[in-house]
Protein backbone atom coordinates (compact mmCIF):
# COMPACT_ATOMS: atom_id res chain seq x y z
CA MET A 1 51.33 38.87 -4.76
CA ALA A 2 52.21 41.30 -7.04
CA VAL A 3 55.00 40.24 -8.69
CA SER A 4 55.80 36.73 -10.34
CA LEU A 5 58.76 35.48 -12.27
CA GLY A 6 58.21 36.68 -15.48
CA ALA A 7 61.79 35.43 -17.08
CA VAL A 8 65.36 34.24 -16.49
CA VAL A 9 68.00 35.93 -18.19
CA LEU A 10 70.72 32.89 -18.60
CA GLN A 11 74.14 34.38 -20.15
CA VAL A 12 75.24 32.40 -22.82
CA SER A 13 78.31 32.80 -25.25
CA ASP A 14 76.04 32.63 -28.41
CA ILE A 15 72.77 33.48 -28.67
CA GLY A 16 71.65 31.95 -32.05
CA ARG A 17 73.10 27.97 -30.96
CA SER A 18 71.83 28.55 -27.13
CA ALA A 19 68.40 29.86 -28.97
CA ALA A 20 68.05 26.59 -31.27
CA PHE A 21 69.13 24.47 -28.11
CA TRP A 22 66.64 26.46 -25.33
CA SER A 23 63.83 26.81 -27.60
CA LYS A 24 63.64 22.98 -29.16
CA ALA A 25 64.32 22.00 -25.06
CA LEU A 26 61.09 23.93 -23.37
CA GLY A 27 59.06 23.75 -26.70
CA TYR A 28 59.42 27.69 -26.65
CA ASP A 29 59.38 30.21 -29.66
CA ALA A 30 61.80 32.63 -29.99
CA GLN A 31 59.66 36.41 -29.69
CA PRO A 32 59.57 37.63 -33.45
CA GLY A 33 62.73 39.82 -34.46
CA ASN A 34 64.59 38.80 -30.99
CA PRO A 35 65.82 35.22 -31.17
CA ALA A 36 67.62 35.94 -27.48
CA PHE A 37 63.58 36.18 -25.82
CA LEU A 38 61.81 32.92 -25.86
CA GLY A 39 58.66 31.93 -24.65
CA SER A 40 55.56 29.30 -24.94
CA LYS A 41 53.43 29.75 -27.77
CA ASP A 42 50.67 30.90 -26.08
CA GLY A 43 52.34 33.64 -24.40
CA SER A 44 51.99 31.92 -20.57
CA GLY A 45 54.25 31.05 -17.79
CA THR A 46 57.99 32.20 -17.42
CA ARG A 47 59.79 33.61 -20.67
CA LEU A 48 64.13 32.69 -21.59
CA HIS A 49 66.42 35.75 -22.40
CA LEU A 50 69.57 34.73 -23.96
CA ASP A 51 72.15 37.63 -23.15
CA GLU A 52 76.01 37.64 -24.03
CA THR A 53 76.79 40.51 -21.38
CA ASP A 54 74.40 40.02 -18.91
CA ARG A 55 74.86 37.64 -15.78
CA THR A 56 72.43 35.18 -15.31
CA HIS A 57 69.32 36.40 -13.02
CA LEU A 58 65.99 36.29 -12.73
CA ASP A 59 63.27 39.35 -13.22
CA LEU A 60 60.30 39.77 -11.45
CA TRP A 61 57.70 42.13 -12.96
CA VAL A 62 55.04 43.68 -10.92
CA ASP A 63 51.64 43.38 -11.48
CA ARG A 64 50.22 46.22 -12.37
CA THR A 65 46.85 46.15 -11.60
CA ASP A 66 47.81 44.97 -7.54
CA SER A 67 50.67 47.37 -7.02
CA ASP A 68 53.74 49.81 -8.78
CA LEU A 69 57.60 49.43 -9.25
CA GLU A 70 58.27 51.05 -6.13
CA THR A 71 55.83 49.60 -3.65
CA GLU A 72 57.10 46.17 -4.60
CA VAL A 73 60.68 47.08 -4.25
CA GLU A 74 60.03 48.85 -0.81
CA ARG A 75 58.19 45.63 0.07
CA LEU A 76 61.26 43.12 -1.32
CA ILE A 77 63.52 45.49 0.50
CA ALA A 78 61.40 44.91 4.03
CA LEU A 79 62.05 40.83 3.56
CA GLY A 80 65.41 41.34 3.68
CA ALA A 81 66.51 42.49 0.17
CA ARG A 82 68.92 45.35 -0.47
CA ARG A 83 69.32 47.82 -3.52
CA VAL A 84 72.14 47.30 -5.74
CA GLU A 85 74.91 49.72 -7.33
CA TRP A 86 73.60 50.08 -11.35
CA THR A 87 73.73 52.69 -13.77
CA TYR A 88 69.97 52.97 -15.20
CA PRO A 89 69.27 53.99 -19.19
CA PRO A 90 67.16 57.67 -18.32
CA ASP A 91 63.92 55.55 -19.10
CA ALA A 92 64.49 52.24 -16.77
CA ASP A 93 61.51 50.28 -16.02
CA PHE A 94 63.73 48.27 -13.11
CA VAL A 95 65.33 48.33 -10.33
CA VAL A 96 68.26 46.11 -9.30
CA LEU A 97 68.23 44.31 -6.02
CA ALA A 98 70.16 41.87 -4.24
CA ASP A 99 68.62 38.89 -1.55
CA PRO A 100 69.56 38.35 1.24
CA ASP A 101 72.29 36.07 -0.15
CA GLY A 102 73.40 38.79 -2.44
CA THR A 103 72.03 36.62 -5.50
CA VAL A 104 70.96 40.04 -7.76
CA PHE A 105 67.90 40.18 -9.68
CA CYS A 106 65.44 42.89 -11.63
CA VAL A 107 61.93 44.09 -10.52
CA ILE A 108 60.52 44.99 -13.78
CA GLU A 109 57.71 47.36 -13.89
């Protein structure tokens, strides 16, 4: 497989309060300089990104040794996903898709 579940983006009302809770609940550490990005102490596994404005969604990370962003996007579309209208920054390294049920997720290179 060329994508993996890299992060769960969780919409929260207070990043500091949520980071304190989730880091203790999961045994995760905050990324240096960014308390909103939590991950395992050894850096493996799925990260938790806390966000006060973005909706809860999954981030799928492309394994660059196996594939590239557009190849994976096309593979997921062939499986039933669809592109979502989105305003991307000029240096975007992600594509926003929706699964067949309409659940939004990101594919990130």
